[in-house]
């Protein structure tokens, strides 16, 4: 049985991911975010995992502001990603 927090994390990530798709376009979204998965949600942040360190580093250096903006719209109380 899934944890309710895990389900919330997944639904929040899906909403954030959709906003990223709208903002970045389908090709960029699918290249960098299609395989990202929500892992957990706490009071201070949503943890999302990606396939490897290179992908994580690339997202952090090139798309961090886009992710933060999408997250702020979907869940303004999340402080960290």
N, C-alpha and C. Protein backbone atom coordinates (compact mmCIF):
# COMPACT_ATOMS: atom_id res chain seq x y z
N UNK A 1 0.84 -1.18 0.00
CA UNK A 1 0.00 0.00 0.00
C UNK A 1 0.88 1.24 0.00
N UNK A 2 0.55 2.22 -0.83
CA UNK A 2 1.33 3.44 -0.92
C UNK A 2 1.06 4.35 0.25
N UNK A 3 2.10 5.03 0.66
CA UNK A 3 2.02 6.03 1.69
C UNK A 3 1.31 7.25 1.11
N UNK A 4 0.44 7.89 1.89
CA UNK A 4 -0.29 9.07 1.41
C UNK A 4 0.68 10.19 1.02
N UNK A 5 1.77 10.32 1.78
CA UNK A 5 2.76 11.34 1.45
C UNK A 5 3.40 11.06 0.10
N UNK A 6 3.68 9.78 -0.18
CA UNK A 6 4.24 9.41 -1.48
C UNK A 6 3.28 9.76 -2.61
N UNK A 7 2.00 9.49 -2.38
CA UNK A 7 0.99 9.81 -3.38
C UNK A 7 0.92 11.31 -3.60
N UNK A 8 0.96 12.08 -2.52
CA UNK A 8 0.95 13.53 -2.65
C UNK A 8 2.19 14.01 -3.39
N UNK A 9 3.35 13.44 -3.08
CA UNK A 9 4.59 13.80 -3.76
C UNK A 9 4.47 13.52 -5.25
N UNK A 10 3.92 12.37 -5.59
CA UNK A 10 3.76 12.02 -7.00
C UNK A 10 2.81 12.97 -7.71
N UNK A 11 1.69 13.28 -7.09
CA UNK A 11 0.73 14.17 -7.74
C UNK A 11 1.29 15.58 -7.87
N UNK A 12 2.02 16.04 -6.87
CA UNK A 12 2.65 17.35 -6.95
C UNK A 12 3.70 17.38 -8.06
N UNK A 13 4.52 16.33 -8.14
CA UNK A 13 5.53 16.30 -9.19
C UNK A 13 4.87 16.27 -10.57
N UNK A 14 3.80 15.52 -10.71
CA UNK A 14 3.10 15.50 -12.01
C UNK A 14 2.62 16.90 -12.40
N UNK A 15 2.11 17.64 -11.43
CA UNK A 15 1.64 19.01 -11.72
C UNK A 15 2.82 19.92 -12.07
N UNK A 16 3.91 19.80 -11.33
CA UNK A 16 5.11 20.59 -11.62
C UNK A 16 5.66 20.22 -12.98
N UNK A 17 5.72 18.94 -13.24
CA UNK A 17 6.23 18.44 -14.51
C UNK A 17 5.40 18.96 -15.68
N UNK A 18 4.10 19.00 -15.52
CA UNK A 18 3.23 19.53 -16.57
C UNK A 18 3.51 21.00 -16.83
N UNK A 19 3.71 21.76 -15.77
CA UNK A 19 4.04 23.18 -15.94
C UNK A 19 5.38 23.33 -16.64
N UNK A 20 6.34 22.47 -16.32
CA UNK A 20 7.63 22.51 -17.00
C UNK A 20 7.47 22.20 -18.49
N UNK A 21 6.64 21.22 -18.80
CA UNK A 21 6.38 20.87 -20.20
C UNK A 21 5.80 22.08 -20.95
N UNK A 22 4.88 22.78 -20.31
CA UNK A 22 4.26 23.96 -20.93
C UNK A 22 5.29 25.08 -21.12
N UNK A 23 6.18 25.25 -20.15
CA UNK A 23 7.16 26.32 -20.19
C UNK A 23 8.33 26.02 -21.12
N UNK A 24 8.87 24.81 -21.02
CA UNK A 24 10.09 24.46 -21.75
C UNK A 24 9.83 23.84 -23.12
N UNK A 25 8.64 23.32 -23.31
CA UNK A 25 8.34 22.59 -24.54
C UNK A 25 8.55 21.10 -24.34
N UNK A 26 7.94 20.36 -25.21
CA UNK A 26 7.92 18.91 -25.07
C UNK A 26 9.31 18.27 -25.20
N UNK A 27 10.10 18.73 -26.15
CA UNK A 27 11.41 18.12 -26.38
C UNK A 27 12.34 18.28 -25.18
N UNK A 28 12.47 19.50 -24.67
CA UNK A 28 13.33 19.71 -23.50
C UNK A 28 12.79 18.97 -22.29
N UNK A 29 11.49 19.04 -22.10
CA UNK A 29 10.89 18.34 -20.96
C UNK A 29 11.19 16.85 -21.04
N UNK A 30 10.93 16.26 -22.18
CA UNK A 30 11.13 14.81 -22.31
C UNK A 30 12.59 14.42 -22.17
N UNK A 31 13.49 15.26 -22.64
CA UNK A 31 14.92 14.97 -22.53
C UNK A 31 15.39 14.96 -21.09
N UNK A 32 14.96 15.95 -20.29
CA UNK A 32 15.52 16.12 -18.96
C UNK A 32 14.60 15.71 -17.82
N UNK A 33 13.31 15.69 -18.02
CA UNK A 33 12.39 15.46 -16.90
C UNK A 33 11.50 14.23 -17.03
N UNK A 34 11.46 13.60 -18.18
CA UNK A 34 10.51 12.51 -18.40
C UNK A 34 10.70 11.34 -17.44
N UNK A 35 11.93 11.10 -17.00
CA UNK A 35 12.19 9.95 -16.13
C UNK A 35 12.40 10.35 -14.67
N UNK A 36 12.15 11.61 -14.37
CA UNK A 36 12.25 12.05 -12.97
C UNK A 36 11.08 11.48 -12.18
N UNK A 37 11.34 11.16 -10.92
CA UNK A 37 10.30 10.58 -10.07
C UNK A 37 10.29 11.26 -8.70
N UNK A 38 9.10 11.52 -8.21
CA UNK A 38 8.95 12.06 -6.86
C UNK A 38 9.26 10.96 -5.86
N UNK A 39 10.06 11.29 -4.86
CA UNK A 39 10.40 10.31 -3.82
C UNK A 39 9.73 10.60 -2.49
N UNK A 40 9.69 11.87 -2.11
CA UNK A 40 9.08 12.18 -0.81
C UNK A 40 8.70 13.65 -0.75
N UNK A 41 7.84 13.93 0.17
CA UNK A 41 7.39 15.29 0.43
C UNK A 41 7.44 15.51 1.93
N UNK A 42 8.12 16.58 2.34
CA UNK A 42 8.18 16.95 3.75
C UNK A 42 7.65 18.36 3.87
N UNK A 43 7.66 18.88 5.08
CA UNK A 43 7.19 20.25 5.29
C UNK A 43 8.05 21.25 4.53
N UNK A 44 9.31 20.93 4.32
CA UNK A 44 10.21 21.90 3.70
C UNK A 44 10.58 21.60 2.25
N UNK A 45 10.21 20.44 1.73
CA UNK A 45 10.61 20.20 0.35
C UNK A 45 10.07 18.95 -0.29
N UNK A 46 10.15 18.96 -1.60
CA UNK A 46 9.78 17.83 -2.44
C UNK A 46 11.08 17.23 -2.97
N UNK A 47 11.28 15.95 -2.76
CA UNK A 47 12.48 15.27 -3.25
C UNK A 47 12.12 14.55 -4.55
N UNK A 48 12.85 14.90 -5.60
CA UNK A 48 12.66 14.29 -6.92
C UNK A 48 13.98 13.66 -7.33
N UNK A 49 13.92 12.43 -7.82
CA UNK A 49 15.14 11.75 -8.25
C UNK A 49 15.19 11.67 -9.77
N UNK A 50 16.41 11.64 -10.28
CA UNK A 50 16.65 11.49 -11.72
C UNK A 50 17.64 10.34 -11.91
N UNK A 51 17.87 9.98 -13.16
CA UNK A 51 18.61 8.77 -13.50
C UNK A 51 20.06 8.77 -13.02
N UNK A 52 20.72 9.91 -13.05
CA UNK A 52 22.14 9.92 -12.71
C UNK A 52 22.60 11.31 -12.29
N UNK A 53 23.86 11.39 -11.85
CA UNK A 53 24.41 12.65 -11.37
C UNK A 53 24.50 13.70 -12.48
N UNK A 54 24.84 13.26 -13.69
CA UNK A 54 24.94 14.20 -14.81
C UNK A 54 23.60 14.90 -15.04
N UNK A 55 22.52 14.13 -15.07
CA UNK A 55 21.19 14.69 -15.28
C UNK A 55 20.84 15.65 -14.15
N UNK A 56 21.10 15.24 -12.93
CA UNK A 56 20.83 16.11 -11.77
C UNK A 56 21.60 17.42 -11.88
N UNK A 57 22.90 17.32 -12.18
CA UNK A 57 23.73 18.52 -12.29
C UNK A 57 23.27 19.43 -13.41
N UNK A 58 22.90 18.84 -14.55
CA UNK A 58 22.44 19.63 -15.69
C UNK A 58 21.14 20.37 -15.36
N UNK A 59 20.21 19.65 -14.73
CA UNK A 59 18.95 20.28 -14.34
C UNK A 59 19.21 21.41 -13.35
N UNK A 60 20.06 21.16 -12.37
CA UNK A 60 20.34 22.19 -11.37
C UNK A 60 20.99 23.42 -12.00
N UNK A 61 21.88 23.22 -12.96
CA UNK A 61 22.59 24.37 -13.54
C UNK A 61 21.82 25.07 -14.66
N UNK A 62 20.91 24.36 -15.33
CA UNK A 62 20.21 24.96 -16.46
C UNK A 62 18.72 25.21 -16.24
N UNK A 63 18.10 24.47 -15.36
CA UNK A 63 16.64 24.54 -15.23
C UNK A 63 16.15 24.83 -13.82
N UNK A 64 17.05 25.07 -12.89
CA UNK A 64 16.65 25.25 -11.49
C UNK A 64 15.59 26.34 -11.33
N UNK A 65 15.77 27.47 -11.99
CA UNK A 65 14.80 28.55 -11.84
C UNK A 65 13.44 28.18 -12.42
N UNK A 66 13.44 27.41 -13.50
CA UNK A 66 12.17 26.95 -14.09
C UNK A 66 11.45 25.99 -13.14
N UNK A 67 12.23 25.08 -12.55
CA UNK A 67 11.65 24.11 -11.61
C UNK A 67 11.11 24.85 -10.39
N UNK A 68 11.88 25.78 -9.86
CA UNK A 68 11.45 26.54 -8.68
C UNK A 68 10.19 27.34 -8.98
N UNK A 69 10.12 27.95 -10.15
CA UNK A 69 8.93 28.73 -10.52
C UNK A 69 7.70 27.83 -10.65
N UNK A 70 7.87 26.68 -11.29
CA UNK A 70 6.75 25.74 -11.43
C UNK A 70 6.30 25.24 -10.06
N UNK A 71 7.26 24.93 -9.20
CA UNK A 71 6.94 24.44 -7.86
C UNK A 71 6.23 25.51 -7.04
N UNK A 72 6.65 26.75 -7.18
CA UNK A 72 6.04 27.85 -6.42
C UNK A 72 4.58 28.04 -6.80
N UNK A 73 4.24 27.79 -8.05
CA UNK A 73 2.85 27.91 -8.49
C UNK A 73 2.02 26.75 -7.95
N UNK A 74 2.58 25.54 -8.04
CA UNK A 74 1.84 24.34 -7.65
C UNK A 74 1.72 24.23 -6.13
N UNK A 75 2.80 24.50 -5.43
CA UNK A 75 2.79 24.38 -3.97
C UNK A 75 3.69 25.45 -3.36
N UNK A 76 3.14 26.60 -3.09
CA UNK A 76 3.94 27.73 -2.62
C UNK A 76 4.66 27.48 -1.29
N UNK A 77 4.21 26.51 -0.50
CA UNK A 77 4.84 26.27 0.79
C UNK A 77 6.10 25.42 0.70
N UNK A 78 6.36 24.79 -0.45
CA UNK A 78 7.59 24.01 -0.60
C UNK A 78 8.75 24.97 -0.73
N UNK A 79 9.76 24.79 0.13
CA UNK A 79 10.88 25.70 0.15
C UNK A 79 12.10 25.17 -0.60
N UNK A 80 12.23 23.84 -0.69
CA UNK A 80 13.40 23.28 -1.35
C UNK A 80 13.00 22.14 -2.26
N UNK A 81 13.83 21.93 -3.28
CA UNK A 81 13.64 20.83 -4.22
C UNK A 81 14.92 20.03 -4.27
